[in-house]
Amino acid sequence: MPDNTPSLDIAISGLGRRVSGLNGWFERSARIDLPSNISLEQLRMGQVDLELISGKLQERPEEMQSLFEAFLHGDNEEVDRLVKVLNLREADFQSQGGGIFWAIVIVGVLCCASEAR
């Protein structure tokens, strides 16, 4: 990645877990390179993503809560199960005209822009 390419870094750290009798602290992170231009089609994909997520939060709040809790507790098997049950895989978003990473880009840029002075 060139040094002048803006990127969006997302990290969840401080995930404590007991592994083989030892306390461990884990971090999950992702880096997404931001494009130099965003097309209306890409914004539309992000809109679809956010609508799909909003729908899941409204229609299946308990399962969404369970998904977040399983993730935060490091229960990867349960996370995998719920992501499949809730149709929250990247392929699920793409099959409906989205692509979850566009929602992340849009929300990330808006978070940073809202702090601009």
N, C-alpha and C. Protein backbone atom coordinates (compact mmCIF):
# COMPACT_ATOMS: atom_id res chain seq x y z
N MET A 1 0.85 -1.17 0.00
CA MET A 1 0.00 0.00 0.00
C MET A 1 0.90 1.24 0.00
N PRO A 2 0.71 2.17 -0.95
CA PRO A 2 1.49 3.40 -0.96
C PRO A 2 1.22 4.22 0.30
N ASP A 3 2.21 4.98 0.74
CA ASP A 3 2.09 5.76 1.97
C ASP A 3 0.99 6.82 1.89
N ASN A 4 0.70 7.33 0.69
CA ASN A 4 -0.28 8.41 0.59
C ASN A 4 -1.70 7.92 0.33
N THR A 5 -1.94 6.63 0.39
CA THR A 5 -3.27 6.09 0.19
C THR A 5 -4.02 6.13 1.52
N PRO A 6 -5.13 6.87 1.57
CA PRO A 6 -5.89 6.87 2.83
C PRO A 6 -6.52 5.50 3.07
N SER A 7 -6.61 5.15 4.32
CA SER A 7 -7.23 3.88 4.66
C SER A 7 -8.09 4.06 5.90
N LEU A 8 -8.96 3.12 6.08
CA LEU A 8 -9.82 3.08 7.25
C LEU A 8 -9.37 1.90 8.09
N ASP A 9 -8.94 2.16 9.31
CA ASP A 9 -8.52 1.11 10.22
C ASP A 9 -9.62 0.89 11.25
N ILE A 10 -9.99 -0.35 11.43
CA ILE A 10 -11.02 -0.73 12.38
C ILE A 10 -10.42 -1.77 13.31
N ALA A 11 -10.52 -1.55 14.60
CA ALA A 11 -9.97 -2.52 15.54
C ALA A 11 -10.86 -2.62 16.76
N ILE A 12 -11.01 -3.82 17.23
CA ILE A 12 -11.65 -4.07 18.52
C ILE A 12 -10.58 -4.74 19.36
N SER A 13 -10.19 -4.06 20.41
CA SER A 13 -9.11 -4.61 21.24
C SER A 13 -9.62 -4.82 22.65
N GLY A 14 -8.79 -5.48 23.44
CA GLY A 14 -9.15 -5.74 24.82
C GLY A 14 -10.10 -6.92 24.98
N LEU A 15 -10.14 -7.79 23.97
CA LEU A 15 -11.00 -8.96 24.05
C LEU A 15 -10.30 -10.00 24.92
N GLY A 16 -10.71 -10.09 26.16
CA GLY A 16 -10.09 -11.03 27.08
C GLY A 16 -10.68 -12.42 26.93
N ARG A 17 -9.81 -13.41 27.01
CA ARG A 17 -10.25 -14.79 26.88
C ARG A 17 -9.28 -15.69 27.61
N ARG A 18 -9.80 -16.72 28.20
CA ARG A 18 -8.96 -17.70 28.87
C ARG A 18 -8.66 -18.82 27.88
N VAL A 19 -7.38 -19.06 27.64
CA VAL A 19 -6.95 -20.07 26.68
C VAL A 19 -5.94 -20.99 27.36
N SER A 20 -6.26 -22.26 27.43
CA SER A 20 -5.38 -23.26 28.05
C SER A 20 -4.92 -22.83 29.44
N GLY A 21 -5.84 -22.27 30.21
CA GLY A 21 -5.52 -21.87 31.57
C GLY A 21 -4.80 -20.55 31.68
N LEU A 22 -4.59 -19.86 30.57
CA LEU A 22 -3.91 -18.56 30.58
C LEU A 22 -4.86 -17.47 30.14
N ASN A 23 -4.69 -16.30 30.73
CA ASN A 23 -5.47 -15.15 30.28
C ASN A 23 -4.82 -14.59 29.03
N GLY A 24 -5.61 -14.35 28.01
CA GLY A 24 -5.09 -13.77 26.78
C GLY A 24 -5.89 -12.55 26.40
N TRP A 25 -5.23 -11.61 25.76
CA TRP A 25 -5.89 -10.40 25.26
C TRP A 25 -5.70 -10.38 23.76
N PHE A 26 -6.80 -10.22 23.06
CA PHE A 26 -6.77 -10.33 21.62
C PHE A 26 -7.30 -9.06 20.98
N GLU A 27 -6.91 -8.88 19.75
CA GLU A 27 -7.39 -7.75 18.97
C GLU A 27 -7.81 -8.27 17.60
N ARG A 28 -8.91 -7.77 17.13
CA ARG A 28 -9.35 -8.08 15.77
C ARG A 28 -9.35 -6.76 15.02
N SER A 29 -8.73 -6.77 13.88
CA SER A 29 -8.63 -5.51 13.15
C SER A 29 -8.72 -5.74 11.65
N ALA A 30 -9.00 -4.65 10.97
CA ALA A 30 -9.06 -4.67 9.51
C ALA A 30 -8.58 -3.32 9.01
N ARG A 31 -7.97 -3.32 7.86
CA ARG A 31 -7.58 -2.09 7.19
C ARG A 31 -8.18 -2.13 5.79
N ILE A 32 -8.92 -1.09 5.47
CA ILE A 32 -9.55 -0.99 4.16
C ILE A 32 -8.98 0.24 3.47
N ASP A 33 -8.39 0.04 2.30
CA ASP A 33 -7.90 1.17 1.52
C ASP A 33 -9.10 1.93 0.98
N LEU A 34 -9.09 3.24 1.15
CA LEU A 34 -10.17 4.07 0.64
C LEU A 34 -9.89 4.43 -0.81
N PRO A 35 -10.91 4.40 -1.65
CA PRO A 35 -10.70 4.79 -3.04
C PRO A 35 -10.52 6.30 -3.14
N SER A 36 -9.88 6.75 -4.21
CA SER A 36 -9.70 8.20 -4.38
C SER A 36 -11.01 8.86 -4.82
N ASN A 37 -11.90 8.09 -5.40
CA ASN A 37 -13.23 8.57 -5.80
C ASN A 37 -14.26 7.53 -5.40
N ILE A 38 -15.42 8.01 -4.99
CA ILE A 38 -16.51 7.09 -4.67
C ILE A 38 -17.66 7.38 -5.63
N SER A 39 -18.09 6.35 -6.32
CA SER A 39 -19.15 6.52 -7.30
C SER A 39 -20.52 6.45 -6.62
N LEU A 40 -21.52 6.92 -7.33
CA LEU A 40 -22.89 6.80 -6.83
C LEU A 40 -23.29 5.34 -6.66
N GLU A 41 -22.80 4.47 -7.52
CA GLU A 41 -23.09 3.03 -7.40
C GLU A 41 -22.51 2.47 -6.10
N GLN A 42 -21.31 2.89 -5.74
CA GLN A 42 -20.70 2.42 -4.50
C GLN A 42 -21.47 2.95 -3.29
N LEU A 43 -21.92 4.20 -3.36
CA LEU A 43 -22.75 4.75 -2.28
C LEU A 43 -24.07 3.97 -2.18
N ARG A 44 -24.61 3.60 -3.31
CA ARG A 44 -25.85 2.82 -3.33
C ARG A 44 -25.64 1.47 -2.67
N MET A 45 -24.49 0.85 -2.91
CA MET A 45 -24.18 -0.42 -2.27
C MET A 45 -24.14 -0.24 -0.75
N GLY A 46 -23.53 0.84 -0.30
CA GLY A 46 -23.50 1.12 1.13
C GLY A 46 -24.88 1.35 1.70
N GLN A 47 -25.73 2.01 0.93
CA GLN A 47 -27.11 2.22 1.36
C GLN A 47 -27.83 0.89 1.53
N VAL A 48 -27.66 -0.01 0.58
CA VAL A 48 -28.26 -1.33 0.67
C VAL A 48 -27.74 -2.05 1.92
N ASP A 49 -26.42 -1.98 2.14
CA ASP A 49 -25.83 -2.62 3.31
C ASP A 49 -26.49 -2.12 4.60
N LEU A 50 -26.59 -0.81 4.73
CA LEU A 50 -27.14 -0.23 5.95
C LEU A 50 -28.61 -0.57 6.12
N GLU A 51 -29.35 -0.63 5.02
CA GLU A 51 -30.76 -1.04 5.09
C GLU A 51 -30.88 -2.50 5.54
N LEU A 52 -30.00 -3.36 5.02
CA LEU A 52 -30.03 -4.77 5.41
C LEU A 52 -29.70 -4.93 6.90
N ILE A 53 -28.71 -4.20 7.37
CA ILE A 53 -28.34 -4.28 8.79
C ILE A 53 -29.48 -3.74 9.66
N SER A 54 -30.04 -2.62 9.25
CA SER A 54 -31.17 -2.04 10.00
C SER A 54 -32.33 -3.02 10.07
N GLY A 55 -32.60 -3.69 8.96
CA GLY A 55 -33.67 -4.68 8.93
C GLY A 55 -33.42 -5.82 9.90
N LYS A 56 -32.18 -6.30 9.94
CA LYS A 56 -31.85 -7.39 10.88
C LYS A 56 -32.01 -6.92 12.32
N LEU A 57 -31.60 -5.70 12.61
CA LEU A 57 -31.73 -5.18 13.97
C LEU A 57 -33.20 -5.05 14.38
N GLN A 58 -34.06 -4.73 13.42
CA GLN A 58 -35.49 -4.60 13.72
C GLN A 58 -36.18 -5.95 13.78
N GLU A 59 -35.85 -6.85 12.85
CA GLU A 59 -36.56 -8.12 12.73
C GLU A 59 -36.06 -9.19 13.70
N ARG A 60 -34.77 -9.16 14.02
CA ARG A 60 -34.19 -10.23 14.84
C ARG A 60 -33.21 -9.67 15.89
N PRO A 61 -33.73 -8.79 16.73
CA PRO A 61 -32.83 -8.12 17.69
C PRO A 61 -32.13 -9.07 18.66
N GLU A 62 -32.83 -10.11 19.10
CA GLU A 62 -32.22 -11.02 20.07
C GLU A 62 -31.05 -11.78 19.45
N GLU A 63 -31.22 -12.21 18.21
CA GLU A 63 -30.12 -12.93 17.54
C GLU A 63 -28.95 -11.99 17.23
N MET A 64 -29.27 -10.74 16.90
CA MET A 64 -28.20 -9.77 16.66
C MET A 64 -27.44 -9.51 17.97
N GLN A 65 -28.18 -9.40 19.07
CA GLN A 65 -27.53 -9.22 20.37
C GLN A 65 -26.65 -10.42 20.68
N SER A 66 -27.14 -11.61 20.42
CA SER A 66 -26.35 -12.82 20.66
C SER A 66 -25.09 -12.83 19.80
N LEU A 67 -25.20 -12.38 18.57
CA LEU A 67 -24.04 -12.31 17.67
C LEU A 67 -22.98 -11.38 18.25
N PHE A 68 -23.38 -10.19 18.66
CA PHE A 68 -22.41 -9.25 19.22
C PHE A 68 -21.78 -9.80 20.50
N GLU A 69 -22.59 -10.40 21.36
CA GLU A 69 -22.06 -10.96 22.60
C GLU A 69 -21.10 -12.12 22.33
N ALA A 70 -21.46 -12.98 21.37
CA ALA A 70 -20.58 -14.10 21.04
C ALA A 70 -19.24 -13.58 20.50
N PHE A 71 -19.30 -12.55 19.66
CA PHE A 71 -18.06 -11.96 19.14
C PHE A 71 -17.21 -11.41 20.27
N LEU A 72 -17.81 -10.64 21.16
CA LEU A 72 -17.06 -10.02 22.25
C LEU A 72 -16.51 -11.03 23.24
N HIS A 73 -17.13 -12.21 23.31
CA HIS A 73 -16.65 -13.26 24.22
C HIS A 73 -15.74 -14.28 23.52
N GLY A 74 -15.46 -14.04 22.25
CA GLY A 74 -14.54 -14.92 21.53
C GLY A 74 -15.12 -16.28 21.17
N ASP A 75 -16.43 -16.38 21.12
CA ASP A 75 -17.08 -17.64 20.77
C ASP A 75 -17.22 -17.71 19.25
N ASN A 76 -16.14 -18.08 18.59
CA ASN A 76 -16.09 -18.05 17.12
C ASN A 76 -17.08 -19.00 16.47
N GLU A 77 -17.31 -20.15 17.07
CA GLU A 77 -18.28 -21.10 16.50
C GLU A 77 -19.68 -20.49 16.48
N GLU A 78 -20.05 -19.83 17.56
CA GLU A 78 -21.36 -19.21 17.64
C GLU A 78 -21.45 -18.01 16.69
N VAL A 79 -20.37 -17.27 16.58
CA VAL A 79 -20.34 -16.15 15.62
C VAL A 79 -20.57 -16.68 14.21
N ASP A 80 -19.84 -17.71 13.84
CA ASP A 80 -19.99 -18.29 12.50
C ASP A 80 -21.42 -18.78 12.27
N ARG A 81 -21.97 -19.44 13.26
CA ARG A 81 -23.33 -19.97 13.13
C ARG A 81 -24.33 -18.83 12.93
N LEU A 82 -24.24 -17.80 13.76
CA LEU A 82 -25.20 -16.70 13.68
C LEU A 82 -25.04 -15.88 12.41
N VAL A 83 -23.81 -15.68 11.97
CA VAL A 83 -23.59 -14.94 10.72
C VAL A 83 -24.26 -15.68 9.57
N LYS A 84 -24.17 -16.99 9.56
CA LYS A 84 -24.81 -17.79 8.51
C LYS A 84 -26.33 -17.77 8.64
N VAL A 85 -26.83 -17.96 9.87
CA VAL A 85 -28.28 -17.98 10.11
C VAL A 85 -28.90 -16.63 9.74
N LEU A 86 -28.22 -15.55 10.07
CA LEU A 86 -28.75 -14.21 9.82
C LEU A 86 -28.45 -13.70 8.41
N ASN A 87 -27.74 -14.50 7.63
CA ASN A 87 -27.35 -14.09 6.27
C ASN A 87 -26.57 -12.77 6.28
N LEU A 88 -25.52 -12.75 7.07
CA LEU A 88 -24.70 -11.55 7.20
C LEU A 88 -23.29 -11.73 6.64
N ARG A 89 -23.11 -12.71 5.77
CA ARG A 89 -21.82 -12.88 5.11
C ARG A 89 -21.71 -11.90 3.95
N GLU A 90 -20.51 -11.58 3.55
CA GLU A 90 -20.30 -10.67 2.43
C GLU A 90 -21.08 -11.13 1.20
N ALA A 91 -21.07 -12.43 0.93
CA ALA A 91 -21.81 -12.96 -0.23
C ALA A 91 -23.31 -12.68 -0.10
N ASP A 92 -23.84 -12.71 1.12
CA ASP A 92 -25.27 -12.41 1.33
C ASP A 92 -25.57 -10.96 0.98
N PHE A 93 -24.69 -10.06 1.39
CA PHE A 93 -24.88 -8.65 1.07
C PHE A 93 -24.76 -8.43 -0.44
N GLN A 94 -23.77 -9.04 -1.06
CA GLN A 94 -23.56 -8.88 -2.50
C GLN A 94 -24.75 -9.42 -3.29
N SER A 95 -25.33 -10.52 -2.85
CA SER A 95 -26.46 -11.11 -3.59
C SER A 95 -27.68 -10.21 -3.57
N GLN A 96 -27.70 -9.23 -2.65
CA GLN A 96 -28.83 -8.30 -2.55
C GLN A 96 -28.45 -6.90 -3.03
N GLY A 97 -27.31 -6.80 -3.70
CA GLY A 97 -26.90 -5.51 -4.28
C GLY A 97 -26.02 -4.67 -3.40
N GLY A 98 -25.54 -5.23 -2.30
CA GLY A 98 -24.67 -4.49 -1.40
C GLY A 98 -23.27 -5.06 -1.41
N GLY A 99 -22.57 -4.82 -0.35
CA GLY A 99 -21.21 -5.30 -0.13
C GLY A 99 -20.75 -4.67 1.17
N ILE A 100 -20.89 -5.35 2.28
CA ILE A 100 -20.79 -4.79 3.63
C ILE A 100 -19.63 -3.82 3.82
N PHE A 101 -18.58 -3.98 3.05
CA PHE A 101 -17.43 -3.09 3.23
C PHE A 101 -17.76 -1.66 2.83
N TRP A 102 -18.74 -1.46 1.96
CA TRP A 102 -19.14 -0.09 1.60
C TRP A 102 -19.85 0.59 2.76
N ALA A 103 -20.62 -0.15 3.54
CA ALA A 103 -21.24 0.44 4.73
C ALA A 103 -20.16 0.88 5.70
N ILE A 104 -19.11 0.06 5.84
CA ILE A 104 -18.02 0.40 6.75
C ILE A 104 -17.31 1.66 6.28
N VAL A 105 -17.04 1.76 4.98
CA VAL A 105 -16.38 2.95 4.44
C VAL A 105 -17.23 4.18 4.69
N ILE A 106 -18.52 4.10 4.39
CA ILE A 106 -19.40 5.26 4.55
C ILE A 106 -19.47 5.68 6.01
N VAL A 107 -19.72 4.74 6.91
CA VAL A 107 -19.83 5.08 8.33
C VAL A 107 -18.49 5.59 8.87
N GLY A 108 -17.39 4.95 8.48
CA GLY A 108 -16.07 5.39 8.94
C GLY A 108 -15.75 6.81 8.50
N VAL A 109 -15.98 7.11 7.23
CA VAL A 109 -15.72 8.47 6.73
C VAL A 109 -16.63 9.47 7.43
N LEU A 110 -17.90 9.13 7.63
CA LEU A 110 -18.81 10.04 8.30
C LEU A 110 -18.40 10.29 9.76
N CYS A 111 -17.93 9.25 10.44
CA CYS A 111 -17.45 9.42 11.82
C CYS A 111 -16.29 10.41 11.86
N CYS A 112 -15.34 10.23 10.95
CA CYS A 112 -14.17 11.12 10.92
C CYS A 112 -14.58 12.52 10.49
N ALA A 113 -15.45 12.63 9.50
CA ALA A 113 -15.88 13.94 9.00
C ALA A 113 -16.66 14.69 10.07
N SER A 114 -17.42 13.98 10.89
CA SER A 114 -18.22 14.65 11.92
C SER A 114 -17.34 15.29 12.99
N GLU A 115 -16.11 14.81 13.10
CA GLU A 115 -15.16 15.36 14.06
C GLU A 115 -14.30 16.46 13.46
N ALA A 116 -14.42 16.67 12.14
CA ALA A 116 -13.63 17.72 11.49
C ALA A 116 -14.12 19.08 11.96
N ARG A 117 -13.20 19.98 12.10
CA ARG A 117 -13.58 21.33 12.55
C ARG A 117 -13.25 22.33 11.49
